[in-house]
């Protein structure tokens, strides 16, 4: 885990100081071009050092689960966001919340194409 996480944390830690020093020496537009060699070096290092974990026979995409879970989480996020604005009535918010929970429950019952305990 740290083999992947530590290089991803180096950028946010070293980026501001290197951008400030390079924009002091060169034009400020240079900081946008600094990403190109860093990105290319990162791609080369990933190709050389990260193992290939691809499966021989990958499972097909669960389209029904993707639609149920994605729409359920998006609707739940919307309801939680709009809750503080008071732009919807209480009945509308409760209806959207119930629909969101029904979508998430439907995902729980159909995930992996195997019925779980809630659907038996």
PDB file of N, CA and C in Angstrom:
ATOM      1  N   UNK A   1       0.824  -1.183   0.000  1.00  0.00           N
ATOM      2  CA  UNK A   1       0.000   0.000   0.000  1.00  0.00           C
ATOM      3  C   UNK A   1       0.875   1.256   0.000  1.00  0.00           C
ATOM      4  N   UNK A   2       1.865   1.289   0.828  1.00  0.00           N
ATOM      5  CA  UNK A   2       2.723   2.471   0.885  1.00  0.00           C
ATOM      6  C   UNK A   2       3.561   2.614  -0.381  1.00  0.00           C
ATOM      7  N   UNK A   3       3.758   1.496  -1.099  1.00  0.00           N
ATOM      8  CA  UNK A   3       4.500   1.536  -2.363  1.00  0.00           C
ATOM      9  C   UNK A   3       3.791   2.431  -3.365  1.00  0.00           C
ATOM     10  N   UNK A   4       2.482   2.524  -3.272  1.00  0.00           N
ATOM     11  CA  UNK A   4       1.695   3.354  -4.177  1.00  0.00           C
ATOM     12  C   UNK A   4       1.356   4.699  -3.531  1.00  0.00           C
ATOM     13  N   UNK A   5       1.101   4.712  -2.224  1.00  0.00           N
ATOM     14  CA  UNK A   5       0.625   5.918  -1.562  1.00  0.00           C
ATOM     15  C   UNK A   5       1.715   6.968  -1.368  1.00  0.00           C
ATOM     16  N   UNK A   6       2.921   6.554  -1.034  1.00  0.00           N
ATOM     17  CA  UNK A   6       3.981   7.524  -0.750  1.00  0.00           C
ATOM     18  C   UNK A   6       4.334   8.363  -1.975  1.00  0.00           C
ATOM     19  N   UNK A   7       4.509   7.790  -3.165  1.00  0.00           N
ATOM     20  CA  UNK A   7       4.760   8.667  -4.318  1.00  0.00           C
ATOM     21  C   UNK A   7       3.594   9.619  -4.599  1.00  0.00           C
ATOM     22  N   UNK A   8       2.366   9.194  -4.291  1.00  0.00           N
ATOM     23  CA  UNK A   8       1.234  10.085  -4.489  1.00  0.00           C
ATOM     24  C   UNK A   8       1.191  11.225  -3.500  1.00  0.00           C
ATOM     25  N   UNK A   9       1.869  11.076  -2.371  1.00  0.00           N
ATOM     26  CA  UNK A   9       1.915  12.141  -1.371  1.00  0.00           C
ATOM     27  C   UNK A   9       3.100  13.080  -1.563  1.00  0.00           C
ATOM     28  N   UNK A  10       4.060  12.683  -2.351  1.00  0.00           N
ATOM     29  CA  UNK A  10       5.225  13.537  -2.580  1.00  0.00           C
ATOM     30  C   UNK A  10       4.824  14.796  -3.347  1.00  0.00           C
ATOM     31  N   UNK A  11       3.918  14.660  -4.307  1.00  0.00           N
ATOM     32  CA  UNK A  11       3.495  15.805  -5.107  1.00  0.00           C
ATOM     33  C   UNK A  11       2.864  16.913  -4.292  1.00  0.00           C
ATOM     34  N   UNK A  12       1.836  16.622  -3.482  1.00  0.00           N
ATOM     35  CA  UNK A  12       1.249  17.700  -2.677  1.00  0.00           C
ATOM     36  C   UNK A  12       2.215  18.299  -1.656  1.00  0.00           C
ATOM     37  N   UNK A  13       3.192  17.509  -1.224  1.00  0.00           N
ATOM     38  CA  UNK A  13       4.148  18.037  -0.247  1.00  0.00           C
ATOM     39  C   UNK A  13       5.210  18.911  -0.906  1.00  0.00           C
ATOM     40  N   UNK A  14       5.693  18.524  -2.063  1.00  0.00           N
ATOM     41  CA  UNK A  14       6.783  19.262  -2.693  1.00  0.00           C
ATOM     42  C   UNK A  14       6.316  20.241  -3.764  1.00  0.00           C
ATOM     43  N   UNK A  15       5.075  20.121  -4.203  1.00  0.00           N
ATOM     44  CA  UNK A  15       4.585  20.970  -5.290  1.00  0.00           C
ATOM     45  C   UNK A  15       4.580  22.454  -5.003  1.00  0.00           C
ATOM     46  N   UNK A  16       4.008  22.903  -3.894  1.00  0.00           N
ATOM     47  CA  UNK A  16       3.957  24.352  -3.661  1.00  0.00           C
ATOM     48  C   UNK A  16       5.327  25.017  -3.559  1.00  0.00           C
ATOM     49  N   UNK A  17       6.258  24.357  -2.876  1.00  0.00           N
ATOM     50  CA  UNK A  17       7.582  24.984  -2.741  1.00  0.00           C
ATOM     51  C   UNK A  17       8.328  24.987  -4.074  1.00  0.00           C
ATOM     52  N   UNK A  18       8.230  23.924  -4.849  1.00  0.00           N
ATOM     53  CA  UNK A  18       8.920  23.912  -6.141  1.00  0.00           C
ATOM     54  C   UNK A  18       8.261  24.879  -7.120  1.00  0.00           C
ATOM     55  N   UNK A  19       6.938  25.032  -7.060  1.00  0.00           N
ATOM     56  CA  UNK A  19       6.267  25.992  -7.940  1.00  0.00           C
ATOM     57  C   UNK A  19       6.638  27.414  -7.568  1.00  0.00           C
ATOM     58  N   UNK A  20       6.734  27.691  -6.284  1.00  0.00           N
ATOM     59  CA  UNK A  20       7.099  29.044  -5.858  1.00  0.00           C
ATOM     60  C   UNK A  20       8.525  29.386  -6.258  1.00  0.00           C
ATOM     61  N   UNK A  21       9.428  28.428  -6.088  1.00  0.00           N
ATOM     62  CA  UNK A  21      10.824  28.711  -6.449  1.00  0.00           C
ATOM     63  C   UNK A  21      10.999  28.812  -7.959  1.00  0.00           C
ATOM     64  N   UNK A  22      10.309  27.975  -8.721  1.00  0.00           N
ATOM     65  CA  UNK A  22      10.466  28.053 -10.178  1.00  0.00           C
ATOM     66  C   UNK A  22       9.788  29.292 -10.744  1.00  0.00           C
ATOM     67  N   UNK A  23       8.675  29.733 -10.159  1.00  0.00           N
ATOM     68  CA  UNK A  23       8.035  30.942 -10.676  1.00  0.00           C
ATOM     69  C   UNK A  23       8.803  32.190 -10.267  1.00  0.00           C
ATOM     70  N   UNK A  24       9.631  32.107  -9.231  1.00  0.00           N
ATOM     71  CA  UNK A  24      10.488  33.228  -8.877  1.00  0.00           C
ATOM     72  C   UNK A  24      11.653  33.368  -9.829  1.00  0.00           C
ATOM     73  N   UNK A  25      12.116  32.243 -10.362  1.00  0.00           N
ATOM     74  CA  UNK A  25      13.256  32.262 -11.285  1.00  0.00           C
ATOM     75  C   UNK A  25      12.779  32.458 -12.721  1.00  0.00           C
ATOM     76  N   UNK A  26      11.772  31.690 -13.110  1.00  0.00           N
ATOM     77  CA  UNK A  26      11.250  31.739 -14.477  1.00  0.00           C
ATOM     78  C   UNK A  26       9.897  32.433 -14.483  1.00  0.00           C
ATOM     79  N   UNK A  27       9.269  32.459 -15.612  1.00  0.00           N
ATOM     80  CA  UNK A  27       7.937  33.024 -15.743  1.00  0.00           C
ATOM     81  C   UNK A  27       6.926  32.118 -15.042  1.00  0.00           C
ATOM     82  N   UNK A  28       5.830  32.665 -14.536  1.00  0.00           N
ATOM     83  CA  UNK A  28       4.849  31.875 -13.804  1.00  0.00           C
ATOM     84  C   UNK A  28       4.184  30.831 -14.695  1.00  0.00           C
ATOM     85  N   UNK A  29       4.181  31.032 -16.001  1.00  0.00           N
ATOM     86  CA  UNK A  29       3.560  30.061 -16.913  1.00  0.00           C
ATOM     87  C   UNK A  29       4.319  28.742 -16.971  1.00  0.00           C
ATOM     88  N   UNK A  30       5.544  28.751 -16.505  1.00  0.00           N
ATOM     89  CA  UNK A  30       6.373  27.550 -16.535  1.00  0.00           C
ATOM     90  C   UNK A  30       5.811  26.446 -15.649  1.00  0.00           C
ATOM     91  N   UNK A  31       5.090  26.804 -14.591  1.00  0.00           N
ATOM     92  CA  UNK A  31       4.606  25.777 -13.671  1.00  0.00           C
ATOM     93  C   UNK A  31       3.614  24.832 -14.344  1.00  0.00           C
ATOM     94  N   UNK A  32       2.941  25.284 -15.408  1.00  0.00           N
ATOM     95  CA  UNK A  32       2.023  24.403 -16.117  1.00  0.00           C
ATOM     96  C   UNK A  32       2.776  23.375 -16.962  1.00  0.00           C
ATOM     97  N   UNK A  33       3.947  23.731 -17.449  1.00  0.00           N
ATOM     98  CA  UNK A  33       4.732  22.807 -18.257  1.00  0.00           C
ATOM     99  C   UNK A  33       5.579  21.867 -17.403  1.00  0.00           C
ATOM    100  N   UNK A  34       5.724  22.157 -16.138  1.00  0.00           N
ATOM    101  CA  UNK A  34       6.503  21.292 -15.250  1.00  0.00           C
ATOM    102  C   UNK A  34       5.808  19.958 -15.034  1.00  0.00           C
ATOM    103  N   UNK A  35       4.510  19.887 -15.237  1.00  0.00           N
ATOM    104  CA  UNK A  35       3.776  18.635 -15.048  1.00  0.00           C
ATOM    105  C   UNK A  35       4.100  17.598 -16.123  1.00  0.00           C
ATOM    106  N   UNK A  36       4.479  18.039 -17.304  1.00  0.00           N
ATOM    107  CA  UNK A  36       4.737  17.091 -18.394  1.00  0.00           C
ATOM    108  C   UNK A  36       5.885  16.129 -18.083  1.00  0.00           C
ATOM    109  N   UNK A  37       7.088  16.586 -17.760  1.00  0.00           N
ATOM    110  CA  UNK A  37       8.152  15.614 -17.478  1.00  0.00           C
ATOM    111  C   UNK A  37       7.883  14.800 -16.213  1.00  0.00           C
ATOM    112  N   UNK A  38       7.253  15.396 -15.219  1.00  0.00           N
ATOM    113  CA  UNK A  38       6.938  14.655 -14.002  1.00  0.00           C
ATOM    114  C   UNK A  38       5.928  13.551 -14.302  1.00  0.00           C
ATOM    115  N   UNK A  39       4.908  13.861 -15.095  1.00  0.00           N
ATOM    116  CA  UNK A  39       3.915  12.858 -15.470  1.00  0.00           C
ATOM    117  C   UNK A  39       4.502  11.742 -16.317  1.00  0.00           C
ATOM    118  N   UNK A  40       5.357  12.093 -17.251  1.00  0.00           N
ATOM    119  CA  UNK A  40       6.003  11.074 -18.095  1.00  0.00           C
ATOM    120  C   UNK A  40       6.914  10.184 -17.254  1.00  0.00           C
ATOM    121  N   UNK A  41       7.659  10.786 -16.335  1.00  0.00           N
ATOM    122  CA  UNK A  41       8.519   9.984 -15.454  1.00  0.00           C
ATOM    123  C   UNK A  41       7.674   9.070 -14.572  1.00  0.00           C
ATOM    124  N   UNK A  42       6.548   9.570 -14.088  1.00  0.00           N
ATOM    125  CA  UNK A  42       5.662   8.736 -13.282  1.00  0.00           C
ATOM    126  C   UNK A  42       5.111   7.559 -14.062  1.00  0.00           C
ATOM    127  N   UNK A  43       4.707   7.789 -15.308  1.00  0.00           N
ATOM    128  CA  UNK A  43       4.203   6.689 -16.136  1.00  0.00           C
ATOM    129  C   UNK A  43       5.274   5.641 -16.393  1.00  0.00           C
ATOM    130  N   UNK A  44       6.496   6.095 -16.645  1.00  0.00           N
ATOM    131  CA  UNK A  44       7.588   5.145 -16.886  1.00  0.00           C
ATOM    132  C   UNK A  44       7.870   4.332 -15.616  1.00  0.00           C
ATOM    133  N   UNK A  45       7.903   4.988 -14.460  1.00  0.00           N
ATOM    134  CA  UNK A  45       8.166   4.274 -13.215  1.00  0.00           C
ATOM    135  C   UNK A  45       7.047   3.287 -12.875  1.00  0.00           C
ATOM    136  N   UNK A  46       5.809   3.657 -13.148  1.00  0.00           N
ATOM    137  CA  UNK A  46       4.693   2.733 -12.913  1.00  0.00           C
ATOM    138  C   UNK A  46       4.825   1.520 -13.820  1.00  0.00           C
ATOM    139  N   UNK A  47       5.138   1.741 -15.074  1.00  0.00           N
ATOM    140  CA  UNK A  47       5.287   0.631 -16.013  1.00  0.00           C
ATOM    141  C   UNK A  47       6.431  -0.295 -15.608  1.00  0.00           C
ATOM    142  N   UNK A  48       7.505   0.268 -15.096  1.00  0.00           N
ATOM    143  CA  UNK A  48       8.666  -0.544 -14.754  1.00  0.00           C
ATOM    144  C   UNK A  48       8.546  -1.259 -13.407  1.00  0.00           C
ATOM    145  N   UNK A  49       7.855  -0.668 -12.436  1.00  0.00           N
ATOM    146  CA  UNK A  49       7.930  -1.189 -11.077  1.00  0.00           C
ATOM    147  C   UNK A  49       6.646  -1.769 -10.501  1.00  0.00           C
ATOM    148  N   UNK A  50       5.493  -1.392 -11.019  1.00  0.00           N
ATOM    149  CA  UNK A  50       4.255  -1.944 -10.466  1.00  0.00           C
ATOM    150  C   UNK A  50       3.917  -3.265 -11.143  1.00  0.00           C
ATOM    151  N   UNK A  51       3.564  -4.273 -10.386  1.00  0.00           N
ATOM    152  CA  UNK A  51       3.222  -5.565 -10.992  1.00  0.00           C
ATOM    153  C   UNK A  51       1.868  -5.496 -11.700  1.00  0.00           C
ATOM    154  N   UNK A  52       1.681  -6.408 -12.631  1.00  0.00           N
ATOM    155  CA  UNK A  52       0.441  -6.486 -13.405  1.00  0.00           C
ATOM    156  C   UNK A  52      -0.491  -7.465 -12.713  1.00  0.00           C
ATOM    157  N   UNK A  53      -1.596  -6.959 -12.169  1.00  0.00           N
ATOM    158  CA  UNK A  53      -2.525  -7.789 -11.424  1.00  0.00           C
ATOM    159  C   UNK A  53      -3.776  -8.139 -12.216  1.00  0.00           C
ATOM    160  N   UNK A  54      -3.736  -8.073 -13.505  1.00  0.00           N
ATOM    161  CA  UNK A  54      -4.926  -8.381 -14.304  1.00  0.00           C
ATOM    162  C   UNK A  54      -5.273  -9.861 -14.214  1.00  0.00           C
ATOM    163  N   UNK A  55      -6.575 -10.123 -14.152  1.00  0.00           N
ATOM    164  CA  UNK A  55      -7.056 -11.498 -14.076  1.00  0.00           C
ATOM    165  C   UNK A  55      -7.147 -12.100 -15.476  1.00  0.00           C
ATOM    166  N   UNK A  56      -7.083 -13.426 -15.529  1.00  0.00           N
ATOM    167  CA  UNK A  56      -7.217 -14.117 -16.811  1.00  0.00           C
ATOM    168  C   UNK A  56      -8.635 -13.975 -17.360  1.00  0.00           C
ATOM    169  N   UNK A  57      -9.630 -14.247 -16.514  1.00  0.00           N
ATOM    170  CA  UNK A  57     -11.029 -14.158 -16.922  1.00  0.00           C
ATOM    171  C   UNK A  57     -11.749 -13.178 -15.999  1.00  0.00           C
ATOM    172  N   UNK A  58     -11.739 -11.887 -16.334  1.00  0.00           N
ATOM    173  CA  UNK A  58     -12.382 -10.921 -15.447  1.00  0.00           C
ATOM    174  C   UNK A  58     -13.900 -11.087 -15.457  1.00  0.00           C
ATOM    175  N   UNK A  59     -14.516 -10.733 -14.327  1.00  0.00           N
ATOM    176  CA  UNK A  59     -15.965 -10.815 -14.230  1.00  0.00           C
ATOM    177  C   UNK A  59     -16.581  -9.686 -15.051  1.00  0.00           C
ATOM    178  N   UNK A  60     -17.734  -9.932 -15.657  1.00  0.00           N
ATOM    179  CA  UNK A  60     -18.366  -8.860 -16.430  1.00  0.00           C
ATOM    180  C   UNK A  60     -18.888  -7.757 -15.513  1.00  0.00           C
ATOM    181  N   UNK A  61     -19.058  -6.591 -16.082  1.00  0.00           N
ATOM    182  CA  UNK A  61     -19.552  -5.446 -15.329  1.00  0.00           C
ATOM    183  C   UNK A  61     -21.004  -5.673 -14.935  1.00  0.00           C
ATOM    184  N   UNK A  62     -21.314  -5.446 -13.676  1.00  0.00           N
ATOM    185  CA  UNK A  62     -22.675  -5.560 -13.168  1.00  0.00           C
ATOM    186  C   UNK A  62     -23.392  -4.243 -13.457  1.00  0.00           C
ATOM    187  N   UNK A  63     -24.034  -4.155 -14.618  1.00  0.00           N
ATOM    188  CA  UNK A  63     -24.655  -2.915 -15.059  1.00  0.00           C
ATOM    189  C   UNK A  63     -25.828  -2.541 -14.151  1.00  0.00           C
ATOM    190  N   UNK A  64     -26.637  -3.516 -13.762  1.00  0.00           N
ATOM    191  CA  UNK A  64     -27.779  -3.239 -12.890  1.00  0.00           C
ATOM    192  C   UNK A  64     -27.286  -2.706 -11.546  1.00  0.00           C
ATOM    193  N   UNK A  65     -26.267  -3.345 -10.978  1.00  0.00           N
ATOM    194  CA  UNK A  65     -25.710  -2.881  -9.718  1.00  0.00           C
ATOM    195  C   UNK A  65     -25.096  -1.496  -9.839  1.00  0.00           C
ATOM    196  N   UNK A  66     -24.431  -1.229 -10.961  1.00  0.00           N
ATOM    197  CA  UNK A  66     -23.848   0.085 -11.189  1.00  0.00           C
ATOM    198  C   UNK A  66     -24.921   1.165 -11.233  1.00  0.00           C
ATOM    199  N   UNK A  67     -26.005   0.893 -11.929  1.00  0.00           N
ATOM    200  CA  UNK A  67     -27.099   1.872 -12.026  1.00  0.00           C
ATOM    201  C   UNK A  67     -27.775   2.062 -10.674  1.00  0.00           C
ATOM    202  N   UNK A  68     -28.059   0.967  -9.976  1.00  0.00           N
ATOM    203  CA  UNK A  68     -28.729   1.080  -8.681  1.00  0.00           C
ATOM    204  C   UNK A  68     -27.860   1.799  -7.659  1.00  0.00           C
ATOM    205  N   UNK A  69     -26.609   1.391  -7.539  1.00  0.00           N
ATOM    206  CA  UNK A  69     -25.729   1.986  -6.537  1.00  0.00           C
ATOM    207  C   UNK A  69     -25.374   3.425  -6.894  1.00  0.00           C
ATOM    208  N   UNK A  70     -25.041   3.661  -8.151  1.00  0.00           N
ATOM    209  CA  UNK A  70     -24.664   5.019  -8.554  1.00  0.00           C
ATOM    210  C   UNK A  70     -25.796   6.009  -8.389  1.00  0.00           C
ATOM    211  N   UNK A  71     -26.986   5.629  -8.831  1.00  0.00           N
ATOM    212  CA  UNK A  71     -28.111   6.554  -8.696  1.00  0.00           C
ATOM    213  C   UNK A  71     -28.536   6.692  -7.238  1.00  0.00           C
ATOM    214  N   UNK A  72     -28.440   5.622  -6.453  1.00  0.00           N
ATOM    215  CA  UNK A  72     -28.791   5.708  -5.039  1.00  0.00           C
ATOM    216  C   UNK A  72     -27.866   6.619  -4.269  1.00  0.00           C
ATOM    217  N   UNK A  73     -26.570   6.496  -4.493  1.00  0.00           N
ATOM    218  CA  UNK A  73     -25.598   7.338  -3.799  1.00  0.00           C
ATOM    219  C   UNK A  73     -25.693   8.785  -4.290  1.00  0.00           C
ATOM    220  N   UNK A  74     -25.881   8.977  -5.594  1.00  0.00           N
ATOM    221  CA  UNK A  74     -26.010  10.345  -6.116  1.00  0.00           C
ATOM    222  C   UNK A  74     -27.254  11.021  -5.559  1.00  0.00           C
ATOM    223  N   UNK A  75     -28.360  10.305  -5.502  1.00  0.00           N
ATOM    224  CA  UNK A  75     -29.587  10.883  -4.970  1.00  0.00           C
ATOM    225  C   UNK A  75     -29.468  11.151  -3.473  1.00  0.00           C
ATOM    226  N   UNK A  76     -28.825  10.254  -2.738  1.00  0.00           N
ATOM    227  CA  UNK A  76     -28.608  10.479  -1.318  1.00  0.00           C
ATOM    228  C   UNK A  76     -27.719  11.704  -1.094  1.00  0.00           C
ATOM    229  N   UNK A  77     -26.695  11.857  -1.898  1.00  0.00           N
ATOM    230  CA  UNK A  77     -25.825  13.024  -1.801  1.00  0.00           C
ATOM    231  C   UNK A  77     -26.596  14.301  -2.107  1.00  0.00           C
ATOM    232  N   UNK A  78     -27.467  14.252  -3.103  1.00  0.00           N
ATOM    233  CA  UNK A  78     -28.282  15.415  -3.447  1.00  0.00           C
ATOM    234  C   UNK A  78     -29.230  15.779  -2.305  1.00  0.00           C
ATOM    235  N   UNK A  79     -29.867  14.779  -1.718  1.00  0.00           N
ATOM    236  CA  UNK A  79     -30.807  15.035  -0.625  1.00  0.00           C
ATOM    237  C   UNK A  79     -30.074  15.645   0.569  1.00  0.00           C
ATOM    238  N   UNK A  80     -28.899  15.131   0.891  1.00  0.00           N
ATOM    239  CA  UNK A  80     -28.141  15.682   2.007  1.00  0.00           C
ATOM    240  C   UNK A  80     -27.645  17.094   1.705  1.00  0.00           C
ATOM    241  N   UNK A  81     -27.341  17.381   0.455  1.00  0.00           N
ATOM    242  CA  UNK A  81     -26.892  18.716   0.073  1.00  0.00           C
ATOM    243  C   UNK A  81     -28.044  19.720   0.115  1.00  0.00           C
ATOM    244  N   UNK A  82     -29.203  19.333  -0.388  1.00  0.00           N
ATOM    245  CA  UNK A  82     -30.346  20.236  -0.485  1.00  0.00           C
ATOM    246  C   UNK A  82     -31.057  20.393   0.855  1.00  0.00           C
ATOM    247  N   UNK A  83     -30.770  19.520   1.811  1.00  0.00           N
ATOM    248  CA  UNK A  83     -31.429  19.556   3.107  1.00  0.00           C
ATOM    249  C   UNK A  83     -31.210  20.888   3.821  1.00  0.00           C
ATOM    250  N   UNK A  84     -30.021  21.439   3.736  1.00  0.00           N
ATOM    251  CA  UNK A  84     -29.730  22.696   4.412  1.00  0.00           C
ATOM    252  C   UNK A  84     -30.293  23.917   3.719  1.00  0.00           C
ATOM    253  N   UNK A  85     -30.621  23.807   2.428  1.00  0.00           N
ATOM    254  CA  UNK A  85     -31.148  24.952   1.687  1.00  0.00           C
ATOM    255  C   UNK A  85     -32.628  25.204   1.934  1.00  0.00           C
ATOM    256  N   UNK A  86     -33.342  24.186   2.345  1.00  0.00           N
ATOM    257  CA  UNK A  86     -34.794  24.265   2.569  1.00  0.00           C
ATOM    258  C   UNK A  86     -35.539  24.700   1.304  1.00  0.00           C
ATOM    259  N   UNK A  87     -35.033  24.291   0.134  1.00  0.00           N
ATOM    260  CA  UNK A  87     -35.712  24.643  -1.109  1.00  0.00           C
ATOM    261  C   UNK A  87     -36.770  23.611  -1.492  1.00  0.00           C
ATOM    262  N   UNK A  88     -36.789  22.462  -0.849  1.00  0.00           N
ATOM    263  CA  UNK A  88     -37.805  21.446  -1.067  1.00  0.00           C
ATOM    264  C   UNK A  88     -38.640  21.306   0.194  1.00  0.00           C
ATOM    265  N   UNK A  89     -39.859  20.845   0.012  1.00  0.00           N
ATOM    266  CA  UNK A  89     -40.705  20.623   1.181  1.00  0.00           C
ATOM    267  C   UNK A  89     -40.240  19.364   1.901  1.00  0.00           C
ATOM    268  N   UNK A  90     -40.729  19.192   3.105  1.00  0.00           N
ATOM    269  CA  UNK A  90     -40.352  18.022   3.899  1.00  0.00           C
ATOM    270  C   UNK A  90     -40.802  16.739   3.205  1.00  0.00           C
ATOM    271  N   UNK A  91     -41.982  16.746   2.617  1.00  0.00           N
ATOM    272  CA  UNK A  91     -42.480  15.562   1.920  1.00  0.00           C
ATOM    273  C   UNK A  91     -41.627  15.198   0.713  1.00  0.00           C
ATOM    274  N   UNK A  92     -41.193  16.211  -0.033  1.00  0.00           N
ATOM    275  CA  UNK A  92     -40.341  15.952  -1.195  1.00  0.00           C
ATOM    276  C   UNK A  92     -38.993  15.387  -0.771  1.00  0.00           C
ATOM    277  N   UNK A  93     -38.421  15.953   0.283  1.00  0.00           N
ATOM    278  CA  UNK A  93     -37.128  15.439   0.764  1.00  0.00           C
ATOM    279  C   UNK A  93     -37.246  14.019   1.298  1.00  0.00           C
ATOM    280  N   UNK A  94     -38.316  13.754   2.032  1.00  0.00           N
ATOM    281  CA  UNK A  94     -38.503  12.393   2.537  1.00  0.00           C
ATOM    282  C   UNK A  94     -38.759  11.415   1.396  1.00  0.00           C
ATOM    283  N   UNK A  95     -39.474  11.850   0.367  1.00  0.00           N
ATOM    284  CA  UNK A  95     -39.696  10.987  -0.796  1.00  0.00           C
ATOM    285  C   UNK A  95     -38.400  10.666  -1.523  1.00  0.00           C
ATOM    286  N   UNK A  96     -37.568  11.688  -1.726  1.00  0.00           N
ATOM    287  CA  UNK A  96     -36.281  11.455  -2.379  1.00  0.00           C
ATOM    288  C   UNK A  96     -35.361  10.593  -1.514  1.00  0.00           C
ATOM    289  N   UNK A  97     -35.405  10.810  -0.206  1.00  0.00           N
ATOM    290  CA  UNK A  97     -34.610   9.982   0.697  1.00  0.00           C
ATOM    291  C   UNK A  97     -35.077   8.534   0.659  1.00  0.00           C
ATOM    292  N   UNK A  98     -36.394   8.321   0.640  1.00  0.00           N
ATOM    293  CA  UNK A  98     -36.925   6.953   0.563  1.00  0.00           C
ATOM    294  C   UNK A  98     -36.546   6.298  -0.759  1.00  0.00           C
ATOM    295  N   UNK A  99     -36.602   7.059  -1.853  1.00  0.00           N
ATOM    296  CA  UNK A  99     -36.214   6.516  -3.157  1.00  0.00           C
ATOM    297  C   UNK A  99     -34.730   6.154  -3.162  1.00  0.00           C
ATOM    298  N   UNK A 100     -33.905   7.013  -2.578  1.00  0.00           N
ATOM    299  CA  UNK A 100     -32.476   6.736  -2.500  1.00  0.00           C
ATOM    300  C   UNK A 100     -32.202   5.472  -1.697  1.00  0.00           C
ATOM    301  N   UNK A 101     -32.848   5.349  -0.549  1.00  0.00           N
ATOM    302  CA  UNK A 101     -32.640   4.151   0.269  1.00  0.00           C
ATOM    303  C   UNK A 101     -33.178   2.903  -0.414  1.00  0.00           C
ATOM    304  N   UNK A 102     -34.274   3.036  -1.175  1.00  0.00           N
ATOM    305  CA  UNK A 102     -34.803   1.890  -1.924  1.00  0.00           C
ATOM    306  C   UNK A 102     -33.829   1.452  -3.014  1.00  0.00           C
ATOM    307  N   UNK A 103     -33.196   2.420  -3.693  1.00  0.00           N
ATOM    308  CA  UNK A 103     -32.203   2.074  -4.708  1.00  0.00           C
ATOM    309  C   UNK A 103     -30.998   1.365  -4.080  1.00  0.00           C
ATOM    310  N   UNK A 104     -30.543   1.871  -2.948  1.00  0.00           N
ATOM    311  CA  UNK A 104     -29.406   1.237  -2.271  1.00  0.00           C
ATOM    312  C   UNK A 104     -29.776  -0.141  -1.731  1.00  0.00           C
ATOM    313  N   UNK A 105     -30.981  -0.300  -1.241  1.00  0.00           N
ATOM    314  CA  UNK A 105     -31.436  -1.618  -0.785  1.00  0.00           C
ATOM    315  C   UNK A 105     -31.558  -2.574  -1.968  1.00  0.00           C
ATOM    316  N   UNK A 106     -32.049  -2.067  -3.098  1.00  0.00           N
ATOM    317  CA  UNK A 106     -32.110  -2.891  -4.306  1.00  0.00           C
ATOM    318  C   UNK A 106     -30.734  -3.343  -4.752  1.00  0.00           C
ATOM    319  N   UNK A 107     -29.753  -2.457  -4.627  1.00  0.00           N
ATOM    320  CA  UNK A 107     -28.379  -2.861  -4.945  1.00  0.00           C
ATOM    321  C   UNK A 107     -27.908  -3.948  -3.989  1.00  0.00           C
ATOM    322  N   UNK A 108     -28.197  -3.779  -2.713  1.00  0.00           N
ATOM    323  CA  UNK A 108     -27.785  -4.782  -1.728  1.00  0.00           C
ATOM    324  C   UNK A 108     -28.395  -6.138  -1.994  1.00  0.00           C
ATOM    325  N   UNK A 109     -29.604  -6.153  -2.530  1.00  0.00           N
ATOM    326  CA  UNK A 109     -30.276  -7.424  -2.811  1.00  0.00           C
ATOM    327  C   UNK A 109     -29.818  -8.059  -4.111  1.00  0.00           C
ATOM    328  N   UNK A 110     -29.294  -7.269  -5.041  1.00  0.00           N
ATOM    329  CA  UNK A 110     -28.938  -7.819  -6.353  1.00  0.00           C
ATOM    330  C   UNK A 110     -27.443  -7.858  -6.622  1.00  0.00           C
ATOM    331  N   UNK A 111     -26.604  -7.430  -5.699  1.00  0.00           N
ATOM    332  CA  UNK A 111     -25.174  -7.365  -5.990  1.00  0.00           C
ATOM    333  C   UNK A 111     -24.625  -8.751  -6.296  1.00  0.00           C
ATOM    334  N   UNK A 112     -23.821  -8.813  -7.301  1.00  0.00           N
ATOM    335  CA  UNK A 112     -23.192 -10.066  -7.702  1.00  0.00           C
ATOM    336  C   UNK A 112     -24.167 -11.081  -8.280  1.00  0.00           C
ATOM    337  N   UNK A 113     -25.368 -10.667  -8.609  1.00  0.00           N
ATOM    338  CA  UNK A 113     -26.399 -11.529  -9.184  1.00  0.00           C
ATOM    339  C   UNK A 113     -26.814 -12.665  -8.271  1.00  0.00           C
ATOM    340  N   UNK A 114     -26.465 -12.567  -6.984  1.00  0.00           N
ATOM    341  CA  UNK A 114     -26.864 -13.569  -6.014  1.00  0.00           C
ATOM    342  C   UNK A 114     -27.791 -12.915  -5.009  1.00  0.00           C
ATOM    343  N   UNK A 115     -28.949 -13.491  -4.730  1.00  0.00           N
ATOM    344  CA  UNK A 115     -29.811 -12.888  -3.731  1.00  0.00           C
ATOM    345  C   UNK A 115     -29.179 -12.960  -2.355  1.00  0.00           C
ATOM    346  N   UNK A 116     -29.251 -11.871  -1.622  1.00  0.00           N
ATOM    347  CA  UNK A 116     -28.722 -11.868  -0.267  1.00  0.00           C
ATOM    348  C   UNK A 116     -29.846 -12.157   0.716  1.00  0.00           C
ATOM    349  N   UNK A 117     -29.538 -12.065   1.975  1.00  0.00           N
ATOM    350  CA  UNK A 117     -30.512 -12.414   3.017  1.00  0.00           C
ATOM    351  C   UNK A 117     -31.742 -11.524   2.994  1.00  0.00           C
ATOM    352  N   UNK A 118     -31.584 -10.275   2.554  1.00  0.00           N
ATOM    353  CA  UNK A 118     -32.728  -9.362   2.614  1.00  0.00           C
ATOM    354  C   UNK A 118     -33.779  -9.702   1.569  1.00  0.00           C
ATOM    355  N   UNK A 119     -33.432 -10.459   0.546  1.00  0.00           N
ATOM    356  CA  UNK A 119     -34.396 -10.769  -0.517  1.00  0.00           C
ATOM    357  C   UNK A 119     -34.966 -12.158  -0.438  1.00  0.00           C
ATOM    358  N   UNK A 120     -34.596 -12.940   0.546  1.00  0.00           N
ATOM    359  CA  UNK A 120     -35.059 -14.319   0.584  1.00  0.00           C
ATOM    360  C   UNK A 120     -36.422 -14.458   1.205  1.00  0.00           C
TER     361      UNK A 120
END
